[in-house]
Amino acid sequence: MTDRPSLPLPAPRLFALAGTEALGRDIARHMGIALGRHEERDFEDGEHKARVLESVCGAELYVLHSLHGMGVGSANDRLCRMLFFIAACKDAGAARVTAVTPYLCYARKDRRTKPNDPVTSRYVAALFEAAGADRVMALDVHNEAAFENAFRCRTLALTAAPLQVAAILAVTADERLCVISPDLGGGKRAERLREALERAAGRPVGHAFAEKYRSAGIVSGDLFAGDVRDATCIIVDDLASTGGTLVRAARAARENGARRVLACVTHGLFARAAGPVLADPAIERIMATDTIDPVPLPGGPARDKLEIVPTAALFAEAIGRLHRGESLADLLVL
């Protein structure tokens, strides 16, 4: 009796919802596939419908949507559209659906800070599970442990560190490098990037941190620890909203003798006040990925400093490995 030849693994099926199509097309191009066909309709009363336009029965799907409130729809609207589309795919017979959320909304609200506070990240997790998501993939969530603990389905917390290292080395030469965490809470994230940067650069990379306390919307803290004299400093954070945290750390680094200061964030939310704040000359360059599109930072001195780091290759690699059952260890926050 001869063994039957194993059938080739079908290509993954990727769908990108309205507002994330550009990133979806780039990911599909890296994967060598076409985006899945679907339609989205808005009705006069504000309701919405989305459906697949091809058979997905028994298929493994990846649904891409970045859940920020910039451009097309609010964060709530985008979340609702993604949940409905996932549920519709499961109703259409999809065997497994992975939600791919380059930016995951409400990830910052992962604990109670006041009596009766909501833990919104946990509620969002319950919604994904109720809609039928089998796995959730996100990039640089605010707190990886809270992200993993909120879900009962499998989670994949990707890190942008490999992309950021390449971008940093492209604009630095042989100068002394130092990675700065702008607050104690981001220490692990900064250390992860520092270690990756040290390996790639082949030389020691220093580290420092700035103290930050936030209460009732007021930020305070003056402590700065670390030797940054004559160094090119990279301030690392998961996101930038007003930019105040980055500028505080940049000024402290300059006051302690830093030669250059670069800001490196994954998600450039850039609230309305960010333009004037980030125009501060303490920061020479701002690097952010394309998880937030369109970039909400208006033209001007801050926008001129901004460099967008593409993420399509990272997501394509992660989706491809996940689909083939291969290890993602070097792409995940561990």
C-alpha atoms as a PDB file:
ATOM      1  CA  MET A   1       0.000   0.000   0.000  1.00  0.00           C
ATOM      2  CA  THR A   2       1.507   3.321  -1.082  1.00  0.00           C
ATOM      3  CA  ASP A   3       1.196   6.507   0.910  1.00  0.00           C
ATOM      4  CA  ARG A   4      -0.927   9.192  -0.666  1.00  0.00           C
ATOM      5  CA  PRO A   5       1.002  12.392  -1.454  1.00  0.00           C
ATOM      6  CA  SER A   6       0.218  15.157   0.997  1.00  0.00           C
ATOM      7  CA  LEU A   7      -1.892  17.947  -0.429  1.00  0.00           C
ATOM      8  CA  PRO A   8      -0.345  21.423  -0.578  1.00  0.00           C
ATOM      9  CA  LEU A   9      -1.485  23.792   2.144  1.00  0.00           C
ATOM     10  CA  PRO A  10      -4.011  26.302   0.759  1.00  0.00           C
ATOM     11  CA  ALA A  11      -2.836  29.904   0.798  1.00  0.00           C
ATOM     12  CA  PRO A  12      -4.093  32.010   3.726  1.00  0.00           C
ATOM     13  CA  ARG A  13      -7.109  34.204   2.995  1.00  0.00           C
ATOM     14  CA  LEU A  14      -6.669  37.853   4.009  1.00  0.00           C
ATOM     15  CA  PHE A  15      -9.451  40.451   4.213  1.00  0.00           C
ATOM     16  CA  ALA A  16      -8.810  44.146   4.968  1.00  0.00           C
ATOM     17  CA  LEU A  17     -11.698  46.349   6.088  1.00  0.00           C
ATOM     18  CA  ALA A  18     -12.317  49.942   4.999  1.00  0.00           C
ATOM     19  CA  GLY A  19      -9.669  52.255   6.397  1.00  0.00           C
ATOM     20  CA  THR A  20      -6.983  49.563   6.498  1.00  0.00           C
ATOM     21  CA  GLU A  21      -6.973  48.626   2.803  1.00  0.00           C
ATOM     22  CA  ALA A  22      -3.593  50.202   2.029  1.00  0.00           C
ATOM     23  CA  LEU A  23      -1.827  48.155   4.702  1.00  0.00           C
ATOM     24  CA  GLY A  24      -3.815  45.107   3.611  1.00  0.00           C
ATOM     25  CA  ARG A  25      -2.660  45.462   0.010  1.00  0.00           C
ATOM     26  CA  ASP A  26       0.962  45.774   1.153  1.00  0.00           C
ATOM     27  CA  ILE A  27       0.687  42.682   3.353  1.00  0.00           C
ATOM     28  CA  ALA A  28      -0.935  40.707   0.537  1.00  0.00           C
ATOM     29  CA  ARG A  29       1.819  41.778  -1.858  1.00  0.00           C
ATOM     30  CA  HIS A  30       4.489  40.554   0.562  1.00  0.00           C
ATOM     31  CA  MET A  31       2.627  37.258   0.895  1.00  0.00           C
ATOM     32  CA  GLY A  32       2.143  36.856  -2.866  1.00  0.00           C
ATOM     33  CA  ILE A  33      -1.655  36.606  -2.575  1.00  0.00           C
ATOM     34  CA  ALA A  34      -4.674  38.706  -3.515  1.00  0.00           C
ATOM     35  CA  LEU A  35      -6.858  40.316  -0.877  1.00  0.00           C
ATOM     36  CA  GLY A  36     -10.136  38.548  -0.265  1.00  0.00           C
ATOM     37  CA  ARG A  37     -13.189  40.129  -1.909  1.00  0.00           C
ATOM     38  CA  HIS A  38     -15.869  41.641   0.266  1.00  0.00           C
ATOM     39  CA  GLU A  39     -18.278  44.553   0.307  1.00  0.00           C
ATOM     40  CA  GLU A  40     -19.163  47.124   2.958  1.00  0.00           C
ATOM     41  CA  ARG A  41     -22.311  49.229   2.837  1.00  0.00           C
ATOM     42  CA  ASP A  42     -23.456  52.162   4.960  1.00  0.00           C
ATOM     43  CA  PHE A  43     -27.155  52.879   5.361  1.00  0.00           C
ATOM     44  CA  GLU A  44     -28.936  56.203   5.783  1.00  0.00           C
ATOM     45  CA  ASP A  45     -29.650  55.558   9.466  1.00  0.00           C
ATOM     46  CA  GLY A  46     -25.964  54.999  10.263  1.00  0.00           C
ATOM     47  CA  GLU A  47     -26.104  51.210  10.285  1.00  0.00           C
ATOM     48  CA  HIS A  48     -23.602  49.118   8.360  1.00  0.00           C
ATOM     49  CA  LYS A  49     -23.298  45.786   6.568  1.00  0.00           C
ATOM     50  CA  ALA A  50     -20.242  43.818   5.446  1.00  0.00           C
ATOM     51  CA  ARG A  51     -20.138  40.443   3.701  1.00  0.00           C
ATOM     52  CA  VAL A  52     -17.635  38.255   1.899  1.00  0.00           C
ATOM     53  CA  LEU A  53     -17.994  37.955  -1.870  1.00  0.00           C
ATOM     54  CA  GLU A  54     -16.354  34.556  -2.204  1.00  0.00           C
ATOM     55  CA  SER A  55     -16.771  31.169  -0.603  1.00  0.00           C
ATOM     56  CA  VAL A  56     -15.005  30.869   2.757  1.00  0.00           C
ATOM     57  CA  CYS A  57     -16.546  27.566   3.830  1.00  0.00           C
ATOM     58  CA  GLY A  58     -13.906  25.513   5.634  1.00  0.00           C
ATOM     59  CA  ALA A  59     -11.255  28.204   5.058  1.00  0.00           C
ATOM     60  CA  GLU A  60      -8.770  29.808   7.437  1.00  0.00           C
ATOM     61  CA  LEU A  61      -9.213  33.574   7.353  1.00  0.00           C
ATOM     62  CA  TYR A  62      -7.222  36.554   8.572  1.00  0.00           C
ATOM     63  CA  VAL A  63      -9.239  39.748   9.056  1.00  0.00           C
ATOM     64  CA  LEU A  64      -7.183  42.944   9.207  1.00  0.00           C
ATOM     65  CA  HIS A  65      -8.374  46.180  10.775  1.00  0.00           C
ATOM     66  CA  SER A  66      -6.502  48.830  12.758  1.00  0.00           C
ATOM     67  CA  LEU A  67      -8.822  49.934  15.562  1.00  0.00           C
ATOM     68  CA  HIS A  68      -7.971  53.611  15.962  1.00  0.00           C
ATOM     69  CA  GLY A  69     -10.268  56.589  15.607  1.00  0.00           C
ATOM     70  CA  MET A  70      -8.419  58.409  12.821  1.00  0.00           C
ATOM     71  CA  GLY A  71      -9.630  58.641   9.233  1.00  0.00           C
ATOM     72  CA  VAL A  72     -12.563  56.300   8.508  1.00  0.00           C
ATOM     73  CA  GLY A  73     -14.783  55.931  11.583  1.00  0.00           C
ATOM     74  CA  SER A  74     -14.245  56.126  15.316  1.00  0.00           C
ATOM     75  CA  ALA A  75     -12.483  53.417  17.300  1.00  0.00           C
ATOM     76  CA  ASN A  76     -15.901  52.172  18.421  1.00  0.00           C
ATOM     77  CA  ASP A  77     -17.186  52.070  14.849  1.00  0.00           C
ATOM     78  CA  ARG A  78     -14.135  50.205  13.585  1.00  0.00           C
ATOM     79  CA  LEU A  79     -14.356  47.708  16.423  1.00  0.00           C
ATOM     80  CA  CYS A  80     -18.035  47.047  15.728  1.00  0.00           C
ATOM     81  CA  ARG A  81     -17.408  46.595  11.987  1.00  0.00           C
ATOM     82  CA  MET A  82     -14.606  44.138  12.631  1.00  0.00           C
ATOM     83  CA  LEU A  83     -16.670  42.120  15.088  1.00  0.00           C
ATOM     84  CA  PHE A  84     -19.637  41.947  12.718  1.00  0.00           C
ATOM     85  CA  PHE A  85     -17.414  40.900   9.812  1.00  0.00           C
ATOM     86  CA  ILE A  86     -15.754  38.153  11.851  1.00  0.00           C
ATOM     87  CA  ALA A  87     -19.178  36.855  12.912  1.00  0.00           C
ATOM     88  CA  ALA A  88     -20.418  36.963   9.304  1.00  0.00           C
ATOM     89  CA  CYS A  89     -17.371  34.961   8.166  1.00  0.00           C
ATOM     90  CA  LYS A  90     -18.036  32.322  10.816  1.00  0.00           C
ATOM     91  CA  ASP A  91     -21.707  32.190   9.773  1.00  0.00           C
ATOM     92  CA  ALA A  92     -20.512  31.679   6.185  1.00  0.00           C
ATOM     93  CA  GLY A  93     -18.651  28.555   7.292  1.00  0.00           C
ATOM     94  CA  ALA A  94     -15.085  29.777   7.906  1.00  0.00           C
ATOM     95  CA  ALA A  95     -13.197  27.139   9.866  1.00  0.00           C
ATOM     96  CA  ARG A  96     -11.006  29.601  11.756  1.00  0.00           C
ATOM     97  CA  VAL A  97     -10.758  33.390  11.863  1.00  0.00           C
ATOM     98  CA  THR A  98      -7.766  35.316  13.163  1.00  0.00           C
ATOM     99  CA  ALA A  99      -8.333  38.982  13.995  1.00  0.00           C
ATOM    100  CA  VAL A 100      -5.251  41.007  12.999  1.00  0.00           C
ATOM    101  CA  THR A 101      -5.335  44.367  14.788  1.00  0.00           C
ATOM    102  CA  PRO A 102      -2.216  46.465  14.105  1.00  0.00           C
ATOM    103  CA  TYR A 103      -3.559  48.917  16.700  1.00  0.00           C
ATOM    104  CA  LEU A 104      -5.880  47.441  19.330  1.00  0.00           C
ATOM    105  CA  CYS A 105      -8.270  49.976  20.822  1.00  0.00           C
ATOM    106  CA  TYR A 106      -8.781  50.240  24.587  1.00  0.00           C
ATOM    107  CA  ALA A 107      -5.558  48.339  25.324  1.00  0.00           C
ATOM    108  CA  ARG A 108      -4.493  51.123  27.707  1.00  0.00           C
ATOM    109  CA  LYS A 109      -7.547  50.626  29.929  1.00  0.00           C
ATOM    110  CA  ASP A 110      -6.344  47.319  31.336  1.00  0.00           C
ATOM    111  CA  ARG A 111      -6.790  47.906  35.079  1.00  0.00           C
ATOM    112  CA  ARG A 112      -8.788  49.858  37.629  1.00  0.00           C
ATOM    113  CA  THR A 113      -7.168  53.086  38.757  1.00  0.00           C
ATOM    114  CA  LYS A 114     -10.218  54.471  40.592  1.00  0.00           C
ATOM    115  CA  PRO A 115     -13.195  52.911  42.391  1.00  0.00           C
ATOM    116  CA  ASN A 116     -15.712  51.376  39.962  1.00  0.00           C
ATOM    117  CA  ASP A 117     -13.392  51.923  36.998  1.00  0.00           C
ATOM    118  CA  PRO A 118     -14.039  49.742  33.943  1.00  0.00           C
ATOM    119  CA  VAL A 119     -11.450  47.251  32.724  1.00  0.00           C
ATOM    120  CA  THR A 120     -12.325  47.929  29.102  1.00  0.00           C
ATOM    121  CA  SER A 121      -9.614  45.761  27.568  1.00  0.00           C
ATOM    122  CA  ARG A 122     -11.272  42.716  29.147  1.00  0.00           C
ATOM    123  CA  TYR A 123     -14.677  43.701  27.751  1.00  0.00           C
ATOM    124  CA  VAL A 124     -13.179  44.081  24.274  1.00  0.00           C
ATOM    125  CA  ALA A 125     -11.680  40.595  24.597  1.00  0.00           C
ATOM    126  CA  ALA A 126     -15.092  39.170  25.469  1.00  0.00           C
ATOM    127  CA  LEU A 127     -16.586  40.816  22.381  1.00  0.00           C
ATOM    128  CA  PHE A 128     -13.974  39.268  20.066  1.00  0.00           C
ATOM    129  CA  GLU A 129     -14.621  35.852  21.568  1.00  0.00           C
ATOM    130  CA  ALA A 130     -18.391  36.264  21.330  1.00  0.00           C
ATOM    131  CA  ALA A 131     -18.071  37.205  17.635  1.00  0.00           C
ATOM    132  CA  GLY A 132     -16.168  33.979  17.010  1.00  0.00           C
ATOM    133  CA  ALA A 133     -12.543  35.107  16.728  1.00  0.00           C
ATOM    134  CA  ASP A 134     -10.269  32.108  17.224  1.00  0.00           C
ATOM    135  CA  ARG A 135      -7.049  34.111  17.578  1.00  0.00           C
ATOM    136  CA  VAL A 136      -6.159  37.782  18.019  1.00  0.00           C
ATOM    137  CA  MET A 137      -2.903  39.268  16.733  1.00  0.00           C
ATOM    138  CA  ALA A 138      -1.822  42.775  17.734  1.00  0.00           C
ATOM    139  CA  LEU A 139       1.325  44.890  17.525  1.00  0.00           C
ATOM    140  CA  ASP A 140       2.952  46.420  20.612  1.00  0.00           C
ATOM    141  CA  VAL A 141      -0.058  46.475  22.895  1.00  0.00           C
ATOM    142  CA  HIS A 142       0.288  48.720  25.921  1.00  0.00           C
ATOM    143  CA  ASN A 143       0.668  45.871  28.411  1.00  0.00           C
ATOM    144  CA  GLU A 144       1.397  42.449  26.935  1.00  0.00           C
ATOM    145  CA  ALA A 145       0.568  40.533  30.131  1.00  0.00           C
ATOM    146  CA  ALA A 146      -2.810  42.259  30.454  1.00  0.00           C
ATOM    147  CA  PHE A 147      -3.508  41.575  26.764  1.00  0.00           C
ATOM    148  CA  GLU A 148      -2.815  37.869  27.135  1.00  0.00           C
ATOM    149  CA  ASN A 149      -4.761  37.570  30.389  1.00  0.00           C
ATOM    150  CA  ALA A 150      -7.839  39.335  28.989  1.00  0.00           C
ATOM    151  CA  PHE A 151      -8.443  36.702  26.306  1.00  0.00           C
ATOM    152  CA  ARG A 152      -9.334  33.037  26.569  1.00  0.00           C
ATOM    153  CA  CYS A 153      -8.577  32.448  22.877  1.00  0.00           C
ATOM    154  CA  ARG A 154      -4.990  32.435  21.615  1.00  0.00           C
ATOM    155  CA  THR A 155      -3.266  35.825  21.471  1.00  0.00           C
ATOM    156  CA  LEU A 156      -0.163  36.866  19.563  1.00  0.00           C
ATOM    157  CA  ALA A 157       1.561  40.040  20.775  1.00  0.00           C
ATOM    158  CA  LEU A 158       3.944  41.060  18.002  1.00  0.00           C
ATOM    159  CA  THR A 159       6.846  43.425  18.619  1.00  0.00           C
ATOM    160  CA  ALA A 160       7.957  46.155  16.221  1.00  0.00           C
ATOM    161  CA  ALA A 161      11.500  46.011  17.625  1.00  0.00           C
ATOM    162  CA  PRO A 162      13.071  44.389  14.504  1.00  0.00           C
ATOM    163  CA  LEU A 163      11.596  47.114  12.286  1.00  0.00           C
ATOM    164  CA  GLN A 164      12.603  49.875  14.684  1.00  0.00           C
ATOM    165  CA  VAL A 165      16.181  48.609  14.981  1.00  0.00           C
ATOM    166  CA  ALA A 166      16.599  48.722  11.206  1.00  0.00           C
ATOM    167  CA  ALA A 167      15.180  52.258  11.068  1.00  0.00           C
ATOM    168  CA  ILE A 168      17.453  53.460  13.882  1.00  0.00           C
ATOM    169  CA  LEU A 169      20.616  51.998  12.381  1.00  0.00           C
ATOM    170  CA  ALA A 170      19.760  53.595   9.030  1.00  0.00           C
ATOM    171  CA  VAL A 171      20.021  57.098  10.531  1.00  0.00           C
ATOM    172  CA  THR A 172      22.867  56.566  13.005  1.00  0.00           C
ATOM    173  CA  ALA A 173      26.514  55.876  12.296  1.00  0.00           C
ATOM    174  CA  ASP A 174      29.153  54.791  14.791  1.00  0.00           C
ATOM    175  CA  GLU A 175      28.062  57.154  17.536  1.00  0.00           C
ATOM    176  CA  ARG A 176      27.384  55.943  21.058  1.00  0.00           C
ATOM    177  CA  LEU A 177      23.747  54.817  21.419  1.00  0.00           C
ATOM    178  CA  CYS A 178      21.496  54.891  24.466  1.00  0.00           C
ATOM    179  CA  VAL A 179      17.868  53.761  24.764  1.00  0.00           C
ATOM    180  CA  ILE A 180      15.595  55.728  27.113  1.00  0.00           C
ATOM    181  CA  SER A 181      12.315  54.632  28.661  1.00  0.00           C
ATOM    182  CA  PRO A 182      10.178  57.758  29.241  1.00  0.00           C
ATOM    183  CA  ASP A 183       8.614  56.142  32.323  1.00  0.00           C
ATOM    184  CA  LEU A 184       9.192  53.146  34.574  1.00  0.00           C
ATOM    185  CA  GLY A 185       6.194  51.300  33.125  1.00  0.00           C
ATOM    186  CA  GLY A 186       7.859  51.118  29.714  1.00  0.00           C
ATOM    187  CA  GLY A 187      11.121  49.734  31.039  1.00  0.00           C
ATOM    188  CA  LYS A 188      10.649  46.230  29.618  1.00  0.00           C
ATOM    189  CA  ARG A 189       9.767  47.586  26.182  1.00  0.00           C
ATOM    190  CA  ALA A 190      12.842  49.813  26.151  1.00  0.00           C
ATOM    191  CA  GLU A 191      15.078  46.985  27.321  1.00  0.00           C
ATOM    192  CA  ARG A 192      13.740  44.712  24.586  1.00  0.00           C
ATOM    193  CA  LEU A 193      14.651  47.283  21.948  1.00  0.00           C
ATOM    194  CA  ARG A 194      17.996  48.000  23.580  1.00  0.00           C
ATOM    195  CA  GLU A 195      18.997  44.333  23.502  1.00  0.00           C
ATOM    196  CA  ALA A 196      17.933  43.967  19.865  1.00  0.00           C
ATOM    197  CA  LEU A 197      19.768  47.150  18.919  1.00  0.00           C
ATOM    198  CA  GLU A 198      22.906  46.005  20.717  1.00  0.00           C
ATOM    199  CA  ARG A 199      22.883  42.685  18.848  1.00  0.00           C
ATOM    200  CA  ALA A 200      22.347  44.341  15.482  1.00  0.00           C
ATOM    201  CA  ALA A 201      24.891  47.122  16.040  1.00  0.00           C
ATOM    202  CA  GLY A 202      27.521  44.775  17.443  1.00  0.00           C
ATOM    203  CA  ARG A 203      28.458  47.180  20.212  1.00  0.00           C
ATOM    204  CA  PRO A 204      27.211  48.125  23.686  1.00  0.00           C
ATOM    205  CA  VAL A 205      24.062  50.250  23.880  1.00  0.00           C
ATOM    206  CA  GLY A 206      23.373  52.200  27.066  1.00  0.00           C
ATOM    207  CA  HIS A 207      20.072  52.616  28.859  1.00  0.00           C
ATOM    208  CA  ALA A 208      18.358  55.313  30.895  1.00  0.00           C
ATOM    209  CA  PHE A 209      14.906  56.193  32.178  1.00  0.00           C
ATOM    210  CA  ALA A 210      12.875  59.255  33.056  1.00  0.00           C
ATOM    211  CA  GLU A 211      10.432  59.436  35.936  1.00  0.00           C
ATOM    212  CA  LYS A 212       6.768  60.145  35.156  1.00  0.00           C
ATOM    213  CA  TYR A 213       3.668  60.231  37.335  1.00  0.00           C
ATOM    214  CA  ARG A 214       0.185  60.935  36.016  1.00  0.00           C
ATOM    215  CA  SER A 215      -2.698  61.938  38.265  1.00  0.00           C
ATOM    216  CA  ALA A 216      -5.944  63.602  37.162  1.00  0.00           C
ATOM    217  CA  GLY A 217      -4.352  64.340  33.805  1.00  0.00           C
ATOM    218  CA  ILE A 218      -1.344  66.115  35.333  1.00  0.00           C
ATOM    219  CA  VAL A 219       2.112  64.695  34.613  1.00  0.00           C
ATOM    220  CA  SER A 220       4.962  65.187  37.073  1.00  0.00           C
ATOM    221  CA  GLY A 221       8.354  63.722  37.950  1.00  0.00           C
ATOM    222  CA  ASP A 222      11.888  65.107  37.639  1.00  0.00           C
ATOM    223  CA  LEU A 223      14.181  62.109  38.164  1.00  0.00           C
ATOM    224  CA  PHE A 224      16.420  61.075  35.255  1.00  0.00           C
ATOM    225  CA  ALA A 225      18.797  58.125  35.607  1.00  0.00           C
ATOM    226  CA  GLY A 226      21.461  56.991  33.165  1.00  0.00           C
ATOM    227  CA  ASP A 227      24.617  58.231  31.462  1.00  0.00           C
ATOM    228  CA  VAL A 228      23.631  59.886  28.173  1.00  0.00           C
ATOM    229  CA  ARG A 229      26.486  62.360  27.778  1.00  0.00           C
ATOM    230  CA  ASP A 230      27.586  62.677  24.121  1.00  0.00           C
ATOM    231  CA  ALA A 231      25.212  59.835  23.142  1.00  0.00           C
ATOM    232  CA  THR A 232      22.556  59.511  20.473  1.00  0.00           C
ATOM    233  CA  CYS A 233      19.492  58.732  22.552  1.00  0.00           C
ATOM    234  CA  ILE A 234      16.420  56.815  21.396  1.00  0.00           C
ATOM    235  CA  ILE A 235      13.264  57.376  23.455  1.00  0.00           C
ATOM    236  CA  VAL A 236      10.996  54.320  23.112  1.00  0.00           C
ATOM    237  CA  ASP A 237       7.259  54.169  23.748  1.00  0.00           C
ATOM    238  CA  ASP A 238       4.326  52.144  22.451  1.00  0.00           C
ATOM    239  CA  LEU A 239       2.412  55.222  21.310  1.00  0.00           C
ATOM    240  CA  ALA A 240       2.451  58.994  21.097  1.00  0.00           C
ATOM    241  CA  SER A 241      -0.735  60.986  21.699  1.00  0.00           C
ATOM    242  CA  THR A 242      -0.006  64.556  22.768  1.00  0.00           C
ATOM    243  CA  GLY A 243       3.764  63.984  22.636  1.00  0.00           C
ATOM    244  CA  GLY A 244       4.304  65.471  26.087  1.00  0.00           C
ATOM    245  CA  THR A 245       5.908  62.338  27.539  1.00  0.00           C
ATOM    246  CA  LEU A 246       8.431  62.166  24.694  1.00  0.00           C
ATOM    247  CA  VAL A 247       9.354  65.839  24.963  1.00  0.00           C
ATOM    248  CA  ARG A 248       9.807  65.657  28.755  1.00  0.00           C
ATOM    249  CA  ALA A 249      12.231  62.775  28.356  1.00  0.00           C
ATOM    250  CA  ALA A 250      14.007  64.449  25.429  1.00  0.00           C
ATOM    251  CA  ARG A 251      14.571  67.667  27.380  1.00  0.00           C
ATOM    252  CA  ALA A 252      15.901  65.706  30.351  1.00  0.00           C
ATOM    253  CA  ALA A 253      18.301  63.826  28.083  1.00  0.00           C
ATOM    254  CA  ARG A 254      19.538  67.056  26.512  1.00  0.00           C
ATOM    255  CA  GLU A 255      20.035  68.613  29.928  1.00  0.00           C
ATOM    256  CA  ASN A 256      22.166  65.596  30.851  1.00  0.00           C
ATOM    257  CA  GLY A 257      24.418  65.982  27.820  1.00  0.00           C
ATOM    258  CA  ALA A 258      22.779  63.939  25.035  1.00  0.00           C
ATOM    259  CA  ARG A 259      24.108  64.852  21.584  1.00  0.00           C
ATOM    260  CA  ARG A 260      21.049  63.778  19.592  1.00  0.00           C
ATOM    261  CA  VAL A 261      17.573  62.581  20.613  1.00  0.00           C
ATOM    262  CA  LEU A 262      15.318  60.422  18.446  1.00  0.00           C
ATOM    263  CA  ALA A 263      11.767  59.398  19.393  1.00  0.00           C
ATOM    264  CA  CYS A 264      10.689  55.894  18.392  1.00  0.00           C
ATOM    265  CA  VAL A 265       7.027  54.900  18.845  1.00  0.00           C
ATOM    266  CA  THR A 266       4.915  52.171  17.328  1.00  0.00           C
ATOM    267  CA  HIS A 267       1.540  53.921  17.154  1.00  0.00           C
ATOM    268  CA  GLY A 268       1.473  57.586  16.122  1.00  0.00           C
ATOM    269  CA  LEU A 269      -1.950  58.646  17.424  1.00  0.00           C
ATOM    270  CA  PHE A 270      -0.843  62.299  17.451  1.00  0.00           C
ATOM    271  CA  ALA A 271      -3.742  64.175  19.039  1.00  0.00           C
ATOM    272  CA  ARG A 272      -4.527  67.700  17.933  1.00  0.00           C
ATOM    273  CA  ALA A 273      -2.108  69.255  20.425  1.00  0.00           C
ATOM    274  CA  ALA A 274       0.799  67.035  19.328  1.00  0.00           C
ATOM    275  CA  GLY A 275       1.994  69.247  16.479  1.00  0.00           C
ATOM    276  CA  PRO A 276       3.169  72.216  18.573  1.00  0.00           C
ATOM    277  CA  VAL A 277       4.467  69.925  21.344  1.00  0.00           C
ATOM    278  CA  LEU A 278       6.575  67.695  19.096  1.00  0.00           C
ATOM    279  CA  ALA A 279       7.973  70.700  17.253  1.00  0.00           C
ATOM    280  CA  ASP A 280      10.234  71.118  20.298  1.00  0.00           C
ATOM    281  CA  PRO A 281      13.851  71.117  19.071  1.00  0.00           C
ATOM    282  CA  ALA A 282      14.845  68.687  21.852  1.00  0.00           C
ATOM    283  CA  ILE A 283      13.645  65.910  19.514  1.00  0.00           C
ATOM    284  CA  GLU A 284      15.540  65.658  16.245  1.00  0.00           C
ATOM    285  CA  ARG A 285      13.544  62.872  14.571  1.00  0.00           C
ATOM    286  CA  ILE A 286      10.301  60.964  15.196  1.00  0.00           C
ATOM    287  CA  MET A 287       9.831  57.394  13.987  1.00  0.00           C
ATOM    288  CA  ALA A 288       6.384  55.777  13.955  1.00  0.00           C
ATOM    289  CA  THR A 289       4.953  52.780  12.145  1.00  0.00           C
ATOM    290  CA  ASP A 290       2.035  52.839   9.707  1.00  0.00           C
ATOM    291  CA  THR A 291      -0.512  51.258  12.088  1.00  0.00           C
ATOM    292  CA  ILE A 292      -2.277  54.644  12.189  1.00  0.00           C
ATOM    293  CA  ASP A 293      -3.269  55.729   8.680  1.00  0.00           C
ATOM    294  CA  PRO A 294      -3.719  58.463   7.636  1.00  0.00           C
ATOM    295  CA  VAL A 295      -1.086  60.113   9.806  1.00  0.00           C
ATOM    296  CA  PRO A 296      -3.031  62.622  11.936  1.00  0.00           C
ATOM    297  CA  LEU A 297      -0.040  64.950  12.375  1.00  0.00           C
ATOM    298  CA  PRO A 298      -0.571  68.105  10.251  1.00  0.00           C
ATOM    299  CA  GLY A 299       2.121  69.729   8.139  1.00  0.00           C
ATOM    300  CA  GLY A 300       4.720  71.764  10.008  1.00  0.00           C
ATOM    301  CA  PRO A 301       7.958  71.322  11.981  1.00  0.00           C
ATOM    302  CA  ALA A 302       6.769  68.167  13.800  1.00  0.00           C
ATOM    303  CA  ARG A 303       5.498  66.528  10.610  1.00  0.00           C
ATOM    304  CA  ASP A 304       8.812  67.312   8.902  1.00  0.00           C
ATOM    305  CA  LYS A 305      10.614  65.239  11.578  1.00  0.00           C
ATOM    306  CA  LEU A 306       8.355  62.219  11.095  1.00  0.00           C
ATOM    307  CA  GLU A 307       9.534  59.008   9.433  1.00  0.00           C
ATOM    308  CA  ILE A 308       6.995  56.236   8.810  1.00  0.00           C
ATOM    309  CA  VAL A 309       8.276  52.683   9.322  1.00  0.00           C
ATOM    310  CA  PRO A 310       6.289  50.123   7.258  1.00  0.00           C
ATOM    311  CA  THR A 311       4.894  47.070   9.065  1.00  0.00           C
ATOM    312  CA  ALA A 312       3.559  45.025   6.114  1.00  0.00           C
ATOM    313  CA  ALA A 313       6.569  42.696   5.946  1.00  0.00           C
ATOM    314  CA  LEU A 314       6.274  41.903   9.658  1.00  0.00           C
ATOM    315  CA  PHE A 315       2.556  41.082   9.460  1.00  0.00           C
ATOM    316  CA  ALA A 316       3.043  39.060   6.277  1.00  0.00           C
ATOM    317  CA  GLU A 317       5.756  36.994   7.951  1.00  0.00           C
ATOM    318  CA  ALA A 318       3.693  36.484  11.108  1.00  0.00           C
ATOM    319  CA  ILE A 319       0.549  35.464   9.202  1.00  0.00           C
ATOM    320  CA  GLY A 320       2.519  33.138   6.927  1.00  0.00           C
ATOM    321  CA  ARG A 321       4.243  31.368   9.808  1.00  0.00           C
ATOM    322  CA  LEU A 322       1.043  31.101  11.816  1.00  0.00           C
ATOM    323  CA  HIS A 323      -0.752  29.616   8.819  1.00  0.00           C
ATOM    324  CA  ARG A 324       2.018  27.058   8.247  1.00  0.00           C
ATOM    325  CA  GLY A 325       2.258  26.154  11.936  1.00  0.00           C
ATOM    326  CA  GLU A 326       5.805  27.532  12.291  1.00  0.00           C
ATOM    327  CA  SER A 327       7.382  29.261  15.287  1.00  0.00           C
ATOM    328  CA  LEU A 328       6.845  32.993  15.752  1.00  0.00           C
ATOM    329  CA  ALA A 329       9.144  33.235  18.774  1.00  0.00           C
ATOM    330  CA  ASP A 330      11.441  35.872  17.290  1.00  0.00           C
ATOM    331  CA  LEU A 331       8.458  38.059  16.296  1.00  0.00           C
ATOM    332  CA  LEU A 332       6.594  37.953  19.618  1.00  0.00           C
ATOM    333  CA  VAL A 333       6.955  39.713  22.938  1.00  0.00           C
ATOM    334  CA  LEU A 334       8.290  36.998  25.246  1.00  0.00           C
END
